[in-house]
Amino acid sequence: MTAAVVKTHLLGALVLLAGLALVPWLAILLIGARTFDGGTGVRVAGILVTVAGFALNYACALTLAVRGRGTPVPMDPPTEFVATGLYRYLRNPMYIANALLAFGIGLLLESWTYLGYAVVLTVVMHVYVLFEERELKSRFGQTYLDYCAHVNRWIPRRPGRADTLAPGLSS
């Protein structure tokens, strides 16, 4: 196992613990645990969405560690440009995965407070992405600009649509 993969697991666990447990717990302490009874269907949907979010998050983290030689954490970002795996179809699949995790947990817990936190988290991630994109443009230059021209920020491009990347991008 490479150092980047080990760091990704350790830092990823800390970030997920903070972002999906500690901060929402504090919000629930401050705001209160506003819950609803959604029944079995809502809880099952919560499990499915949470599992999907975790699987997508993990796939993205491993791609960034192995192909990008870094971690998803801004303190230790990938040193190589990554346009493979889910990043081939969407520029920010890890943020989508994190939003799915948060909304899934909110459904699973049947918590309006946690779902509200998921909305706030999603907005914060969007704003952060706008700043992150500037840094990626300065770090990867024309390669990143070409990537942006062919891969959407939030809506995946259709896999069947000329499944090639921008000129100069390798998979």
Protein backbone atom coordinates (compact mmCIF):
# COMPACT_ATOMS: atom_id res chain seq x y z
CA MET A 1 0.00 0.00 0.00
CA THR A 2 1.45 3.37 -0.99
CA ALA A 3 1.95 6.22 1.44
CA ALA A 4 -0.73 8.25 -0.36
CA VAL A 5 -3.27 5.44 0.09
CA VAL A 6 -2.47 5.11 3.80
CA LYS A 7 -2.70 8.90 4.29
CA THR A 8 -5.96 8.95 2.33
CA HIS A 9 -7.49 6.38 4.66
CA LEU A 10 -6.33 8.19 7.82
CA LEU A 11 -7.16 11.73 6.71
CA GLY A 12 -10.38 10.60 5.04
CA ALA A 13 -11.57 8.97 8.25
CA LEU A 14 -10.83 12.15 10.21
CA VAL A 15 -12.56 14.42 7.68
CA LEU A 16 -15.63 12.18 7.47
CA LEU A 17 -15.78 11.88 11.26
CA ALA A 18 -15.62 15.66 11.65
CA GLY A 19 -17.90 16.52 8.73
CA LEU A 20 -20.52 13.83 9.17
CA ALA A 21 -20.50 13.25 12.93
CA LEU A 22 -18.90 15.98 15.04
CA VAL A 23 -20.23 19.10 13.29
CA PRO A 24 -23.80 17.73 12.91
CA TRP A 25 -23.73 16.60 16.53
CA LEU A 26 -22.85 20.15 17.57
CA ALA A 27 -25.63 21.49 15.35
CA ILE A 28 -28.10 19.11 16.98
CA LEU A 29 -26.92 20.27 20.42
CA LEU A 30 -27.40 23.93 19.46
CA ILE A 31 -30.59 23.66 17.39
CA GLY A 32 -32.18 20.55 18.80
CA ALA A 33 -32.93 17.15 17.38
CA ARG A 34 -35.86 17.86 15.10
CA THR A 35 -36.98 14.48 13.85
CA PHE A 36 -39.77 13.02 11.76
CA ASP A 37 -41.28 9.57 11.35
CA GLY A 38 -40.63 8.62 7.76
CA GLY A 39 -41.16 4.93 8.22
CA THR A 40 -39.23 2.00 6.88
CA GLY A 41 -39.11 3.33 3.32
CA VAL A 42 -37.29 6.50 4.35
CA ARG A 43 -34.82 4.56 6.50
CA VAL A 44 -34.13 2.07 3.68
CA ALA A 45 -33.65 4.99 1.25
CA GLY A 46 -31.28 6.52 3.79
CA ILE A 47 -29.24 3.33 3.94
CA LEU A 48 -29.07 3.06 0.14
CA VAL A 49 -28.10 6.71 -0.35
CA THR A 50 -25.51 6.50 2.45
CA VAL A 51 -23.94 3.34 1.02
CA ALA A 52 -23.87 4.86 -2.48
CA GLY A 53 -22.26 8.03 -1.11
CA PHE A 54 -19.66 6.07 0.81
CA ALA A 55 -18.82 3.86 -2.19
CA LEU A 56 -18.46 6.87 -4.51
CA ASN A 57 -16.41 8.73 -1.91
CA TYR A 58 -14.08 5.79 -1.42
CA ALA A 59 -13.64 5.25 -5.17
CA CYS A 60 -12.75 8.92 -5.63
CA ALA A 61 -10.34 8.92 -2.69
CA LEU A 62 -8.50 5.88 -4.02
CA THR A 63 -8.33 7.37 -7.51
CA LEU A 64 -6.80 10.57 -6.12
CA ALA A 65 -4.34 8.59 -4.00
CA VAL A 66 -3.23 6.10 -6.65
CA ARG A 67 -3.46 8.16 -9.86
CA GLY A 68 -2.99 11.61 -8.36
CA ARG A 69 -0.34 10.63 -5.82
CA GLY A 70 -1.95 12.64 -3.06
CA THR A 71 -5.04 12.73 -0.90
CA PRO A 72 -8.44 14.40 -1.27
CA VAL A 73 -7.58 16.59 1.72
CA PRO A 74 -6.55 20.16 0.70
CA MET A 75 -3.51 20.01 3.01
CA ASP A 76 -2.05 17.16 0.91
CA PRO A 77 -3.59 17.43 -2.57
CA PRO A 78 -2.76 15.19 -5.53
CA THR A 79 0.41 16.17 -7.37
CA GLU A 80 -0.73 14.64 -10.67
CA PHE A 81 -3.80 15.76 -12.61
CA VAL A 82 -6.59 13.16 -12.42
CA ALA A 83 -9.17 12.70 -15.16
CA THR A 84 -9.90 8.99 -14.70
CA GLY A 85 -12.53 6.93 -12.95
CA LEU A 86 -15.51 9.02 -11.95
CA TYR A 87 -13.50 12.18 -12.70
CA ARG A 88 -13.78 11.23 -16.37
CA TYR A 89 -17.50 12.09 -16.28
CA LEU A 90 -17.77 14.71 -13.54
CA ARG A 91 -15.32 17.24 -12.12
CA ASN A 92 -16.48 16.93 -8.52
CA PRO A 93 -17.70 13.40 -7.85
CA MET A 94 -16.30 13.38 -4.33
CA TYR A 95 -18.39 16.41 -3.35
CA ILE A 96 -21.46 14.71 -4.80
CA ALA A 97 -20.56 11.63 -2.77
CA ASN A 98 -20.22 13.71 0.40
CA ALA A 99 -23.61 15.31 -0.20
CA LEU A 100 -25.14 11.86 -0.72
CA LEU A 101 -23.55 10.68 2.53
CA ALA A 102 -24.99 13.63 4.45
CA PHE A 103 -28.48 13.37 2.95
CA GLY A 104 -28.47 9.59 3.38
CA ILE A 105 -27.55 9.88 7.06
CA GLY A 106 -30.23 12.53 7.53
CA LEU A 107 -32.84 10.20 6.04
CA LEU A 108 -31.57 7.23 8.01
CA LEU A 109 -31.76 9.20 11.27
CA GLU A 110 -35.08 10.76 10.19
CA SER A 111 -33.64 14.08 11.28
CA TRP A 112 -34.72 17.46 9.92
CA THR A 113 -31.73 18.97 11.71
CA TYR A 114 -29.29 16.65 9.96
CA LEU A 115 -31.01 17.19 6.59
CA GLY A 116 -30.70 20.94 7.15
CA TYR A 117 -27.03 20.40 7.88
CA ALA A 118 -26.76 18.44 4.61
CA VAL A 119 -28.19 21.42 2.71
CA VAL A 120 -25.74 23.82 4.38
CA LEU A 121 -22.85 21.42 3.74
CA THR A 122 -23.78 21.16 0.06
CA VAL A 123 -23.86 24.95 -0.33
CA VAL A 124 -20.51 25.27 1.46
CA MET A 125 -18.99 22.61 -0.81
CA HIS A 126 -20.24 24.47 -3.90
CA VAL A 127 -18.69 27.73 -2.73
CA TYR A 128 -15.45 25.93 -1.86
CA VAL A 129 -15.33 24.37 -5.34
CA LEU A 130 -15.40 27.84 -6.90
CA PHE A 131 -12.23 28.71 -4.98
CA GLU A 132 -10.67 25.30 -5.53
CA GLU A 133 -11.10 25.61 -9.29
CA ARG A 134 -8.95 28.75 -9.32
CA GLU A 135 -6.18 26.87 -7.56
CA LEU A 136 -6.47 23.92 -9.95
CA LYS A 137 -6.27 26.27 -12.94
CA SER A 138 -3.07 27.79 -11.59
CA ARG A 139 -1.59 24.39 -10.71
CA PHE A 140 -2.48 22.43 -13.86
CA GLY A 141 -2.91 25.24 -16.41
CA GLN A 142 -4.20 24.43 -19.88
CA THR A 143 -4.73 20.77 -19.03
CA TYR A 144 -7.28 21.74 -16.40
CA LEU A 145 -8.92 24.32 -18.69
CA ASP A 146 -9.31 21.67 -21.41
CA TYR A 147 -10.76 19.30 -18.84
CA CYS A 148 -13.27 21.95 -17.70
CA ALA A 149 -14.31 22.51 -21.31
CA HIS A 150 -15.27 18.84 -21.66
CA VAL A 151 -16.37 17.72 -18.19
CA ASN A 152 -19.15 19.36 -16.18
CA ARG A 153 -18.81 20.57 -12.62
CA TRP A 154 -21.97 18.99 -11.15
CA ILE A 155 -23.92 17.16 -13.87
CA PRO A 156 -22.17 14.07 -15.25
CA ARG A 157 -21.60 13.95 -18.94
CA ARG A 158 -23.16 10.98 -20.64
CA PRO A 159 -20.70 8.06 -20.78
CA GLY A 160 -21.76 7.21 -24.34
CA ARG A 161 -21.03 10.72 -25.59
CA ALA A 162 -17.74 10.51 -27.50
CA ASP A 163 -16.07 8.88 -24.54
CA THR A 164 -12.85 10.77 -25.03
CA LEU A 165 -11.39 13.55 -22.99
CA ALA A 166 -10.09 16.87 -24.12
CA PRO A 167 -6.94 16.78 -26.27
CA GLY A 168 -3.87 16.16 -24.15
CA LEU A 169 -5.71 14.47 -21.30
CA SER A 170 -4.86 10.88 -20.60
CA SER A 171 -7.03 8.40 -18.79
